[in-house]
Amino acid sequence: MHEKLYNGGIDRLRAPERVARLEVERVISLCLEAADLKSVLDVGVGSGLFAEEFSKRGLEVAGVDVNPEMIVAAKRFIPNGDFRESTAEALPFPDASFDLVFFG
């Protein structure tokens, strides 16, 4: 078991107060100002909160998380995303596969 495994529940991660506090839309907008991006890897994707916003903005989205429950949740919110169980230290994608690596 990974020492950073989150077990607090999906609803808690997606609570409106938390979404507002994280300023999800603003963070994504700032990320997209940097360049013309087509794809993003969300490391520690959780329930897919940030990945979902990237997807809404037209990016191809992938994500990793150590918690298999979070992978299931992310796939539920972003069915066309590529989500895999993995640590940040051992990403299951070749180098240079994404325009942006996001670690929220």
PDB file of N, CA and C in Angstrom:
ATOM      1  N   MET A   1       0.840  -1.178   0.000  1.00  0.00           N
ATOM      2  CA  MET A   1       0.000   0.000   0.000  1.00  0.00           C
ATOM      3  C   MET A   1       0.883   1.238   0.000  1.00  0.00           C
ATOM      4  N   HIS A   2       0.511   2.191  -0.787  1.00  0.00           N
ATOM      5  CA  HIS A   2       1.252   3.444  -0.911  1.00  0.00           C
ATOM      6  C   HIS A   2       0.955   4.336   0.290  1.00  0.00           C
ATOM      7  N   GLU A   3       1.960   5.014   0.804  1.00  0.00           N
ATOM      8  CA  GLU A   3       1.788   5.836   2.010  1.00  0.00           C
ATOM      9  C   GLU A   3       0.919   7.069   1.782  1.00  0.00           C
ATOM     10  N   LYS A   4       0.678   7.466   0.545  1.00  0.00           N
ATOM     11  CA  LYS A   4      -0.132   8.651   0.251  1.00  0.00           C
ATOM     12  C   LYS A   4      -1.514   8.291  -0.303  1.00  0.00           C
ATOM     13  N   LEU A   5      -1.984   7.082  -0.051  1.00  0.00           N
ATOM     14  CA  LEU A   5      -3.267   6.627  -0.561  1.00  0.00           C
ATOM     15  C   LEU A   5      -4.406   7.386   0.114  1.00  0.00           C
ATOM     16  N   TYR A   6      -5.240   8.030  -0.685  1.00  0.00           N
ATOM     17  CA  TYR A   6      -6.379   8.799  -0.175  1.00  0.00           C
ATOM     18  C   TYR A   6      -7.580   7.866  -0.028  1.00  0.00           C
ATOM     19  N   ASN A   7      -8.227   7.922   1.092  1.00  0.00           N
ATOM     20  CA  ASN A   7      -9.392   7.074   1.340  1.00  0.00           C
ATOM     21  C   ASN A   7     -10.587   7.874   1.834  1.00  0.00           C
ATOM     22  N   GLY A   8     -10.668   9.148   1.483  1.00  0.00           N
ATOM     23  CA  GLY A   8     -11.715  10.004   2.023  1.00  0.00           C
ATOM     24  C   GLY A   8     -13.010  10.061   1.254  1.00  0.00           C
ATOM     25  N   GLY A   9     -13.111   9.409   0.111  1.00  0.00           N
ATOM     26  CA  GLY A   9     -14.347   9.405  -0.655  1.00  0.00           C
ATOM     27  C   GLY A   9     -14.362  10.412  -1.790  1.00  0.00           C
ATOM     28  N   ILE A  10     -15.010  10.021  -2.872  1.00  0.00           N
ATOM     29  CA  ILE A  10     -15.079  10.830  -4.094  1.00  0.00           C
ATOM     30  C   ILE A  10     -15.877  12.116  -3.862  1.00  0.00           C
ATOM     31  N   ASP A  11     -17.004  12.007  -3.166  1.00  0.00           N
ATOM     32  CA  ASP A  11     -17.851  13.191  -2.947  1.00  0.00           C
ATOM     33  C   ASP A  11     -17.100  14.296  -2.220  1.00  0.00           C
ATOM     34  N   ARG A  12     -16.261  13.910  -1.297  1.00  0.00           N
ATOM     35  CA  ARG A  12     -15.479  14.910  -0.555  1.00  0.00           C
ATOM     36  C   ARG A  12     -14.490  15.636  -1.481  1.00  0.00           C
ATOM     37  N   LEU A  13     -13.889  14.891  -2.412  1.00  0.00           N
ATOM     38  CA  LEU A  13     -12.956  15.508  -3.361  1.00  0.00           C
ATOM     39  C   LEU A  13     -13.647  16.482  -4.301  1.00  0.00           C
ATOM     40  N   ARG A  14     -14.930  16.239  -4.564  1.00  0.00           N
ATOM     41  CA  ARG A  14     -15.666  17.044  -5.530  1.00  0.00           C
ATOM     42  C   ARG A  14     -16.665  17.995  -4.875  1.00  0.00           C
ATOM     43  N   ALA A  15     -16.551  18.196  -3.589  1.00  0.00           N
ATOM     44  CA  ALA A  15     -17.446  19.113  -2.876  1.00  0.00           C
ATOM     45  C   ALA A  15     -17.304  20.521  -3.454  1.00  0.00           C
ATOM     46  N   PRO A  16     -18.411  21.229  -3.659  1.00  0.00           N
ATOM     47  CA  PRO A  16     -18.359  22.568  -4.252  1.00  0.00           C
ATOM     48  C   PRO A  16     -17.407  23.531  -3.528  1.00  0.00           C
ATOM     49  N   GLU A  17     -17.346  23.431  -2.209  1.00  0.00           N
ATOM     50  CA  GLU A  17     -16.441  24.317  -1.456  1.00  0.00           C
ATOM     51  C   GLU A  17     -14.984  24.033  -1.818  1.00  0.00           C
ATOM     52  N   ARG A  18     -14.654  22.759  -1.970  1.00  0.00           N
ATOM     53  CA  ARG A  18     -13.280  22.386  -2.321  1.00  0.00           C
ATOM     54  C   ARG A  18     -12.944  22.830  -3.740  1.00  0.00           C
ATOM     55  N   VAL A  19     -13.877  22.619  -4.661  1.00  0.00           N
ATOM     56  CA  VAL A  19     -13.668  23.039  -6.053  1.00  0.00           C
ATOM     57  C   VAL A  19     -13.433  24.543  -6.110  1.00  0.00           C
ATOM     58  N   ALA A  20     -14.220  25.301  -5.367  1.00  0.00           N
ATOM     59  CA  ALA A  20     -14.051  26.759  -5.335  1.00  0.00           C
ATOM     60  C   ALA A  20     -12.705  27.133  -4.728  1.00  0.00           C
ATOM     61  N   ARG A  21     -12.324  26.483  -3.648  1.00  0.00           N
ATOM     62  CA  ARG A  21     -11.054  26.782  -2.976  1.00  0.00           C
ATOM     63  C   ARG A  21      -9.859  26.468  -3.882  1.00  0.00           C
ATOM     64  N   LEU A  22      -9.969  25.405  -4.666  1.00  0.00           N
ATOM     65  CA  LEU A  22      -8.881  25.023  -5.572  1.00  0.00           C
ATOM     66  C   LEU A  22      -8.820  25.882  -6.837  1.00  0.00           C
ATOM     67  N   GLU A  23      -9.881  26.650  -7.080  1.00  0.00           N
ATOM     68  CA  GLU A  23      -9.960  27.510  -8.272  1.00  0.00           C
ATOM     69  C   GLU A  23      -9.625  26.731  -9.546  1.00  0.00           C
ATOM     70  N   VAL A  24     -10.324  25.608  -9.720  1.00  0.00           N
ATOM     71  CA  VAL A  24     -10.033  24.687 -10.810  1.00  0.00           C
ATOM     72  C   VAL A  24     -10.028  25.379 -12.163  1.00  0.00           C
ATOM     73  N   GLU A  25     -11.073  26.111 -12.497  1.00  0.00           N
ATOM     74  CA  GLU A  25     -11.159  26.762 -13.810  1.00  0.00           C
ATOM     75  C   GLU A  25     -10.012  27.753 -14.010  1.00  0.00           C
ATOM     76  N   ARG A  26      -9.686  28.513 -12.977  1.00  0.00           N
ATOM     77  CA  ARG A  26      -8.590  29.495 -13.075  1.00  0.00           C
ATOM     78  C   ARG A  26      -7.242  28.800 -13.277  1.00  0.00           C
ATOM     79  N   VAL A  27      -7.011  27.734 -12.533  1.00  0.00           N
ATOM     80  CA  VAL A  27      -5.751  26.993 -12.661  1.00  0.00           C
ATOM     81  C   VAL A  27      -5.600  26.431 -14.075  1.00  0.00           C
ATOM     82  N   ILE A  28      -6.660  25.844 -14.594  1.00  0.00           N
ATOM     83  CA  ILE A  28      -6.603  25.278 -15.943  1.00  0.00           C
ATOM     84  C   ILE A  28      -6.374  26.382 -16.974  1.00  0.00           C
ATOM     85  N   SER A  29      -7.043  27.503 -16.818  1.00  0.00           N
ATOM     86  CA  SER A  29      -6.846  28.629 -17.741  1.00  0.00           C
ATOM     87  C   SER A  29      -5.393  29.093 -17.734  1.00  0.00           C
ATOM     88  N   LEU A  30      -4.794  29.192 -16.562  1.00  0.00           N
ATOM     89  CA  LEU A  30      -3.385  29.595 -16.473  1.00  0.00           C
ATOM     90  C   LEU A  30      -2.468  28.574 -17.145  1.00  0.00           C
ATOM     91  N   CYS A  31      -2.757  27.302 -16.968  1.00  0.00           N
ATOM     92  CA  CYS A  31      -1.955  26.259 -17.621  1.00  0.00           C
ATOM     93  C   CYS A  31      -2.037  26.372 -19.140  1.00  0.00           C
ATOM     94  N   LEU A  32      -3.213  26.667 -19.639  1.00  0.00           N
ATOM     95  CA  LEU A  32      -3.416  26.701 -21.089  1.00  0.00           C
ATOM     96  C   LEU A  32      -2.888  27.975 -21.742  1.00  0.00           C
ATOM     97  N   GLU A  33      -2.582  28.992 -20.945  1.00  0.00           N
ATOM     98  CA  GLU A  33      -1.992  30.217 -21.494  1.00  0.00           C
ATOM     99  C   GLU A  33      -0.573  29.988 -21.999  1.00  0.00           C
ATOM    100  N   ALA A  34       0.090  29.001 -21.468  1.00  0.00           N
ATOM    101  CA  ALA A  34       1.514  28.785 -21.730  1.00  0.00           C
ATOM    102  C   ALA A  34       1.820  28.418 -23.176  1.00  0.00           C
ATOM    103  N   ALA A  35       0.938  27.659 -23.812  1.00  0.00           N
ATOM    104  CA  ALA A  35       1.237  27.180 -25.162  1.00  0.00           C
ATOM    105  C   ALA A  35      -0.020  26.583 -25.777  1.00  0.00           C
ATOM    106  N   ASP A  36       0.085  26.191 -27.030  1.00  0.00           N
ATOM    107  CA  ASP A  36      -0.992  25.494 -27.713  1.00  0.00           C
ATOM    108  C   ASP A  36      -0.876  24.014 -27.345  1.00  0.00           C
ATOM    109  N   LEU A  37      -1.641  23.596 -26.362  1.00  0.00           N
ATOM    110  CA  LEU A  37      -1.528  22.245 -25.824  1.00  0.00           C
ATOM    111  C   LEU A  37      -2.628  21.352 -26.371  1.00  0.00           C
ATOM    112  N   LYS A  38      -2.266  20.102 -26.627  1.00  0.00           N
ATOM    113  CA  LYS A  38      -3.230  19.125 -27.143  1.00  0.00           C
ATOM    114  C   LYS A  38      -3.474  17.984 -26.155  1.00  0.00           C
ATOM    115  N   SER A  39      -2.482  17.721 -25.284  1.00  0.00           N
ATOM    116  CA  SER A  39      -2.605  16.577 -24.384  1.00  0.00           C
ATOM    117  C   SER A  39      -2.019  16.899 -23.022  1.00  0.00           C
ATOM    118  N   VAL A  40      -2.574  16.218 -21.995  1.00  0.00           N
ATOM    119  CA  VAL A  40      -2.124  16.442 -20.626  1.00  0.00           C
ATOM    120  C   VAL A  40      -2.125  15.122 -19.867  1.00  0.00           C
ATOM    121  N   LEU A  41      -1.134  14.957 -19.022  1.00  0.00           N
ATOM    122  CA  LEU A  41      -1.074  13.851 -18.066  1.00  0.00           C
ATOM    123  C   LEU A  41      -1.283  14.447 -16.685  1.00  0.00           C
ATOM    124  N   ASP A  42      -2.306  13.978 -15.987  1.00  0.00           N
ATOM    125  CA  ASP A  42      -2.611  14.435 -14.632  1.00  0.00           C
ATOM    126  C   ASP A  42      -2.060  13.398 -13.651  1.00  0.00           C
ATOM    127  N   VAL A  43      -0.991  13.752 -12.968  1.00  0.00           N
ATOM    128  CA  VAL A  43      -0.339  12.850 -12.007  1.00  0.00           C
ATOM    129  C   VAL A  43      -1.021  13.024 -10.652  1.00  0.00           C
ATOM    130  N   GLY A  44      -1.506  11.933 -10.095  1.00  0.00           N
ATOM    131  CA  GLY A  44      -2.307  12.019  -8.880  1.00  0.00           C
ATOM    132  C   GLY A  44      -3.708  12.488  -9.221  1.00  0.00           C
ATOM    133  N   VAL A  45      -4.279  11.894 -10.236  1.00  0.00           N
ATOM    134  CA  VAL A  45      -5.528  12.367 -10.833  1.00  0.00           C
ATOM    135  C   VAL A  45      -6.707  12.384  -9.868  1.00  0.00           C
ATOM    136  N   GLY A  46      -6.676  11.566  -8.840  1.00  0.00           N
ATOM    137  CA  GLY A  46      -7.807  11.537  -7.914  1.00  0.00           C
ATOM    138  C   GLY A  46      -9.094  11.231  -8.644  1.00  0.00           C
ATOM    139  N   SER A  47     -10.138  11.961  -8.347  1.00  0.00           N
ATOM    140  CA  SER A  47     -11.440  11.727  -8.980  1.00  0.00           C
ATOM    141  C   SER A  47     -11.531  12.352 -10.369  1.00  0.00           C
ATOM    142  N   GLY A  48     -10.463  12.977 -10.813  1.00  0.00           N
ATOM    143  CA  GLY A  48     -10.452  13.564 -12.152  1.00  0.00           C
ATOM    144  C   GLY A  48     -10.938  14.994 -12.212  1.00  0.00           C
ATOM    145  N   LEU A  49     -10.918  15.689 -11.109  1.00  0.00           N
ATOM    146  CA  LEU A  49     -11.433  17.059 -11.045  1.00  0.00           C
ATOM    147  C   LEU A  49     -10.741  17.981 -12.057  1.00  0.00           C
ATOM    148  N   PHE A  50      -9.422  18.021 -12.033  1.00  0.00           N
ATOM    149  CA  PHE A  50      -8.684  18.865 -12.978  1.00  0.00           C
ATOM    150  C   PHE A  50      -8.701  18.243 -14.373  1.00  0.00           C
ATOM    151  N   ALA A  51      -8.574  16.929 -14.451  1.00  0.00           N
ATOM    152  CA  ALA A  51      -8.595  16.244 -15.753  1.00  0.00           C
ATOM    153  C   ALA A  51      -9.902  16.513 -16.491  1.00  0.00           C
ATOM    154  N   GLU A  52     -10.987  16.539 -15.757  1.00  0.00           N
ATOM    155  CA  GLU A  52     -12.289  16.807 -16.369  1.00  0.00           C
ATOM    156  C   GLU A  52     -12.324  18.203 -16.998  1.00  0.00           C
ATOM    157  N   GLU A  53     -11.771  19.179 -16.320  1.00  0.00           N
ATOM    158  CA  GLU A  53     -11.754  20.543 -16.867  1.00  0.00           C
ATOM    159  C   GLU A  53     -10.838  20.619 -18.089  1.00  0.00           C
ATOM    160  N   PHE A  54      -9.689  19.943 -18.043  1.00  0.00           N
ATOM    161  CA  PHE A  54      -8.818  19.895 -19.234  1.00  0.00           C
ATOM    162  C   PHE A  54      -9.576  19.274 -20.406  1.00  0.00           C
ATOM    163  N   SER A  55     -10.305  18.195 -20.144  1.00  0.00           N
ATOM    164  CA  SER A  55     -11.070  17.525 -21.192  1.00  0.00           C
ATOM    165  C   SER A  55     -12.143  18.443 -21.773  1.00  0.00           C
ATOM    166  N   LYS A  56     -12.821  19.181 -20.919  1.00  0.00           N
ATOM    167  CA  LYS A  56     -13.841  20.130 -21.380  1.00  0.00           C
ATOM    168  C   LYS A  56     -13.239  21.197 -22.289  1.00  0.00           C
ATOM    169  N   ARG A  57     -11.957  21.473 -22.093  1.00  0.00           N
ATOM    170  CA  ARG A  57     -11.277  22.490 -22.906  1.00  0.00           C
ATOM    171  C   ARG A  57     -10.667  21.883 -24.172  1.00  0.00           C
ATOM    172  N   GLY A  58     -10.952  20.607 -24.444  1.00  0.00           N
ATOM    173  CA  GLY A  58     -10.554  19.998 -25.702  1.00  0.00           C
ATOM    174  C   GLY A  58      -9.241  19.235 -25.698  1.00  0.00           C
ATOM    175  N   LEU A  59      -8.612  19.053 -24.555  1.00  0.00           N
ATOM    176  CA  LEU A  59      -7.352  18.319 -24.507  1.00  0.00           C
ATOM    177  C   LEU A  59      -7.596  16.821 -24.383  1.00  0.00           C
ATOM    178  N   GLU A  60      -6.678  16.033 -24.944  1.00  0.00           N
ATOM    179  CA  GLU A  60      -6.655  14.601 -24.688  1.00  0.00           C
ATOM    180  C   GLU A  60      -6.098  14.438 -23.279  1.00  0.00           C
ATOM    181  N   VAL A  61      -6.776  13.637 -22.467  1.00  0.00           N
ATOM    182  CA  VAL A  61      -6.435  13.545 -21.056  1.00  0.00           C
ATOM    183  C   VAL A  61      -6.043  12.122 -20.674  1.00  0.00           C
ATOM    184  N   ALA A  62      -4.969  12.042 -19.908  1.00  0.00           N
ATOM    185  CA  ALA A  62      -4.555  10.787 -19.282  1.00  0.00           C
ATOM    186  C   ALA A  62      -4.253  11.102 -17.823  1.00  0.00           C
ATOM    187  N   GLY A  63      -4.250  10.087 -16.997  1.00  0.00           N
ATOM    188  CA  GLY A  63      -3.945  10.317 -15.594  1.00  0.00           C
ATOM    189  C   GLY A  63      -3.480   9.057 -14.903  1.00  0.00           C
ATOM    190  N   VAL A  64      -2.758   9.257 -13.818  1.00  0.00           N
ATOM    191  CA  VAL A  64      -2.313   8.145 -12.977  1.00  0.00           C
ATOM    192  C   VAL A  64      -2.649   8.454 -11.524  1.00  0.00           C
ATOM    193  N   ASP A  65      -2.864   7.391 -10.764  1.00  0.00           N
ATOM    194  CA  ASP A  65      -3.095   7.514  -9.331  1.00  0.00           C
ATOM    195  C   ASP A  65      -2.743   6.172  -8.700  1.00  0.00           C
ATOM    196  N   VAL A  66      -2.308   6.196  -7.454  1.00  0.00           N
ATOM    197  CA  VAL A  66      -1.963   4.957  -6.757  1.00  0.00           C
ATOM    198  C   VAL A  66      -3.201   4.235  -6.238  1.00  0.00           C
ATOM    199  N   ASN A  67      -4.322   4.915  -6.183  1.00  0.00           N
ATOM    200  CA  ASN A  67      -5.543   4.356  -5.632  1.00  0.00           C
ATOM    201  C   ASN A  67      -6.440   3.859  -6.778  1.00  0.00           C
ATOM    202  N   PRO A  68      -6.668   2.557  -6.877  1.00  0.00           N
ATOM    203  CA  PRO A  68      -7.505   2.037  -7.960  1.00  0.00           C
ATOM    204  C   PRO A  68      -8.926   2.589  -7.935  1.00  0.00           C
ATOM    205  N   GLU A  69      -9.430   2.928  -6.753  1.00  0.00           N
ATOM    206  CA  GLU A  69     -10.759   3.519  -6.631  1.00  0.00           C
ATOM    207  C   GLU A  69     -10.821   4.867  -7.361  1.00  0.00           C
ATOM    208  N   MET A  70      -9.735   5.617  -7.316  1.00  0.00           N
ATOM    209  CA  MET A  70      -9.698   6.918  -7.996  1.00  0.00           C
ATOM    210  C   MET A  70      -9.656   6.741  -9.516  1.00  0.00           C
ATOM    211  N   ILE A  71      -8.994   5.707  -9.978  1.00  0.00           N
ATOM    212  CA  ILE A  71      -8.961   5.439 -11.422  1.00  0.00           C
ATOM    213  C   ILE A  71     -10.379   5.160 -11.918  1.00  0.00           C
ATOM    214  N   VAL A  72     -11.123   4.366 -11.176  1.00  0.00           N
ATOM    215  CA  VAL A  72     -12.519   4.076 -11.526  1.00  0.00           C
ATOM    216  C   VAL A  72     -13.334   5.371 -11.554  1.00  0.00           C
ATOM    217  N   ALA A  73     -13.149   6.222 -10.561  1.00  0.00           N
ATOM    218  CA  ALA A  73     -13.885   7.491 -10.499  1.00  0.00           C
ATOM    219  C   ALA A  73     -13.518   8.396 -11.673  1.00  0.00           C
ATOM    220  N   ALA A  74     -12.236   8.528 -11.957  1.00  0.00           N
ATOM    221  CA  ALA A  74     -11.806   9.389 -13.063  1.00  0.00           C
ATOM    222  C   ALA A  74     -12.406   8.906 -14.384  1.00  0.00           C
ATOM    223  N   LYS A  75     -12.426   7.593 -14.592  1.00  0.00           N
ATOM    224  CA  LYS A  75     -13.021   7.038 -15.817  1.00  0.00           C
ATOM    225  C   LYS A  75     -14.512   7.319 -15.889  1.00  0.00           C
ATOM    226  N   ARG A  76     -15.158   7.381 -14.735  1.00  0.00           N
ATOM    227  CA  ARG A  76     -16.591   7.677 -14.712  1.00  0.00           C
ATOM    228  C   ARG A  76     -16.859   9.122 -15.164  1.00  0.00           C
ATOM    229  N   PHE A  77     -16.009  10.047 -14.728  1.00  0.00           N
ATOM    230  CA  PHE A  77     -16.208  11.454 -15.069  1.00  0.00           C
ATOM    231  C   PHE A  77     -15.631  11.818 -16.438  1.00  0.00           C
ATOM    232  N   ILE A  78     -14.606  11.110 -16.883  1.00  0.00           N
ATOM    233  CA  ILE A  78     -13.977  11.363 -18.189  1.00  0.00           C
ATOM    234  C   ILE A  78     -13.825  10.022 -18.906  1.00  0.00           C
ATOM    235  N   PRO A  79     -14.908   9.516 -19.505  1.00  0.00           N
ATOM    236  CA  PRO A  79     -14.879   8.181 -20.106  1.00  0.00           C
ATOM    237  C   PRO A  79     -13.857   8.012 -21.232  1.00  0.00           C
ATOM    238  N   ASN A  80     -13.522   9.083 -21.914  1.00  0.00           N
ATOM    239  CA  ASN A  80     -12.567   8.990 -23.023  1.00  0.00           C
ATOM    240  C   ASN A  80     -11.117   9.190 -22.574  1.00  0.00           C
ATOM    241  N   GLY A  81     -10.887   9.347 -21.273  1.00  0.00           N
ATOM    242  CA  GLY A  81      -9.525   9.513 -20.760  1.00  0.00           C
ATOM    243  C   GLY A  81      -8.809   8.179 -20.623  1.00  0.00           C
ATOM    244  N   ASP A  82      -7.499   8.251 -20.544  1.00  0.00           N
ATOM    245  CA  ASP A  82      -6.647   7.067 -20.371  1.00  0.00           C
ATOM    246  C   ASP A  82      -6.083   7.108 -18.949  1.00  0.00           C
ATOM    247  N   PHE A  83      -6.717   6.390 -18.037  1.00  0.00           N
ATOM    248  CA  PHE A  83      -6.333   6.435 -16.630  1.00  0.00           C
ATOM    249  C   PHE A  83      -5.759   5.102 -16.185  1.00  0.00           C
ATOM    250  N   ARG A  84      -4.618   5.181 -15.483  1.00  0.00           N
ATOM    251  CA  ARG A  84      -3.915   3.972 -15.075  1.00  0.00           C
ATOM    252  C   ARG A  84      -3.436   4.076 -13.636  1.00  0.00           C
ATOM    253  N   GLU A  85      -3.426   2.933 -12.966  1.00  0.00           N
ATOM    254  CA  GLU A  85      -2.908   2.863 -11.602  1.00  0.00           C
ATOM    255  C   GLU A  85      -1.386   2.864 -11.672  1.00  0.00           C
ATOM    256  N   SER A  86      -0.777   3.864 -11.013  1.00  0.00           N
ATOM    257  CA  SER A  86       0.675   4.005 -11.063  1.00  0.00           C
ATOM    258  C   SER A  86       1.123   5.062 -10.065  1.00  0.00           C
ATOM    259  N   THR A  87       2.396   5.011  -9.743  1.00  0.00           N
ATOM    260  CA  THR A  87       3.002   6.072  -8.935  1.00  0.00           C
ATOM    261  C   THR A  87       3.595   7.119  -9.872  1.00  0.00           C
ATOM    262  N   ALA A  88       3.883   8.272  -9.326  1.00  0.00           N
ATOM    263  CA  ALA A  88       4.523   9.337 -10.102  1.00  0.00           C
ATOM    264  C   ALA A  88       5.953   8.948 -10.474  1.00  0.00           C
ATOM    265  N   GLU A  89       6.552   8.087  -9.673  1.00  0.00           N
ATOM    266  CA  GLU A  89       7.947   7.696  -9.904  1.00  0.00           C
ATOM    267  C   GLU A  89       8.104   6.654 -11.007  1.00  0.00           C
ATOM    268  N   ALA A  90       6.997   6.035 -11.424  1.00  0.00           N
ATOM    269  CA  ALA A  90       7.074   4.976 -12.441  1.00  0.00           C
ATOM    270  C   ALA A  90       5.925   5.130 -13.436  1.00  0.00           C
ATOM    271  N   LEU A  91       5.922   6.231 -14.159  1.00  0.00           N
ATOM    272  CA  LEU A  91       4.836   6.519 -15.089  1.00  0.00           C
ATOM    273  C   LEU A  91       4.781   5.470 -16.204  1.00  0.00           C
ATOM    274  N   PRO A  92       3.579   4.995 -16.542  1.00  0.00           N
ATOM    275  CA  PRO A  92       3.425   3.950 -17.551  1.00  0.00           C
ATOM    276  C   PRO A  92       3.281   4.483 -18.979  1.00  0.00           C
ATOM    277  N   PHE A  93       3.929   5.587 -19.269  1.00  0.00           N
ATOM    278  CA  PHE A  93       3.875   6.207 -20.591  1.00  0.00           C
ATOM    279  C   PHE A  93       5.296   6.516 -21.039  1.00  0.00           C
ATOM    280  N   PRO A  94       5.565   6.450 -22.337  1.00  0.00           N
ATOM    281  CA  PRO A  94       6.904   6.821 -22.822  1.00  0.00           C
ATOM    282  C   PRO A  94       7.183   8.307 -22.595  1.00  0.00           C
ATOM    283  N   ASP A  95       8.448   8.650 -22.477  1.00  0.00           N
ATOM    284  CA  ASP A  95       8.844  10.054 -22.356  1.00  0.00           C
ATOM    285  C   ASP A  95       8.289  10.853 -23.528  1.00  0.00           C
ATOM    286  N   ALA A  96       7.989  12.113 -23.276  1.00  0.00           N
ATOM    287  CA  ALA A  96       7.512  13.060 -24.285  1.00  0.00           C
ATOM    288  C   ALA A  96       6.169  12.652 -24.898  1.00  0.00           C
ATOM    289  N   SER A  97       5.334  11.954 -24.129  1.00  0.00           N
ATOM    290  CA  SER A  97       4.015  11.543 -24.623  1.00  0.00           C
ATOM    291  C   SER A  97       2.960  12.637 -24.516  1.00  0.00           C
ATOM    292  N   PHE A  98       3.240  13.675 -23.710  1.00  0.00           N
ATOM    293  CA  PHE A  98       2.232  14.702 -23.435  1.00  0.00           C
ATOM    294  C   PHE A  98       2.827  16.093 -23.585  1.00  0.00           C
ATOM    295  N   ASP A  99       1.949  17.037 -23.932  1.00  0.00           N
ATOM    296  CA  ASP A  99       2.367  18.430 -24.028  1.00  0.00           C
ATOM    297  C   ASP A  99       2.531  19.050 -22.643  1.00  0.00           C
ATOM    298  N   LEU A 100       1.763  18.542 -21.667  1.00  0.00           N
ATOM    299  CA  LEU A 100       1.762  19.089 -20.313  1.00  0.00           C
ATOM    300  C   LEU A 100       1.653  17.950 -19.310  1.00  0.00           C
ATOM    301  N   VAL A 101       2.448  18.020 -18.261  1.00  0.00           N
ATOM    302  CA  VAL A 101       2.277  17.128 -17.122  1.00  0.00           C
ATOM    303  C   VAL A 101       1.812  17.997 -15.967  1.00  0.00           C
ATOM    304  N   PHE A 102       0.643  17.669 -15.439  1.00  0.00           N
ATOM    305  CA  PHE A 102       0.011  18.457 -14.381  1.00  0.00           C
ATOM    306  C   PHE A 102       0.045  17.645 -13.099  1.00  0.00           C
ATOM    307  N   PHE A 103       0.460  18.299 -12.031  1.00  0.00           N
ATOM    308  CA  PHE A 103       0.507  17.657 -10.719  1.00  0.00           C
ATOM    309  C   PHE A 103      -0.141  18.602  -9.730  1.00  0.00           C
ATOM    310  N   GLY A 104      -1.440  18.399  -9.507  1.00  0.00           N
ATOM    311  CA  GLY A 104      -2.178  19.299  -8.644  1.00  0.00           C
ATOM    312  C   GLY A 104      -2.091  18.871  -7.207  1.00  0.00           C
TER     313      GLY A 104
END
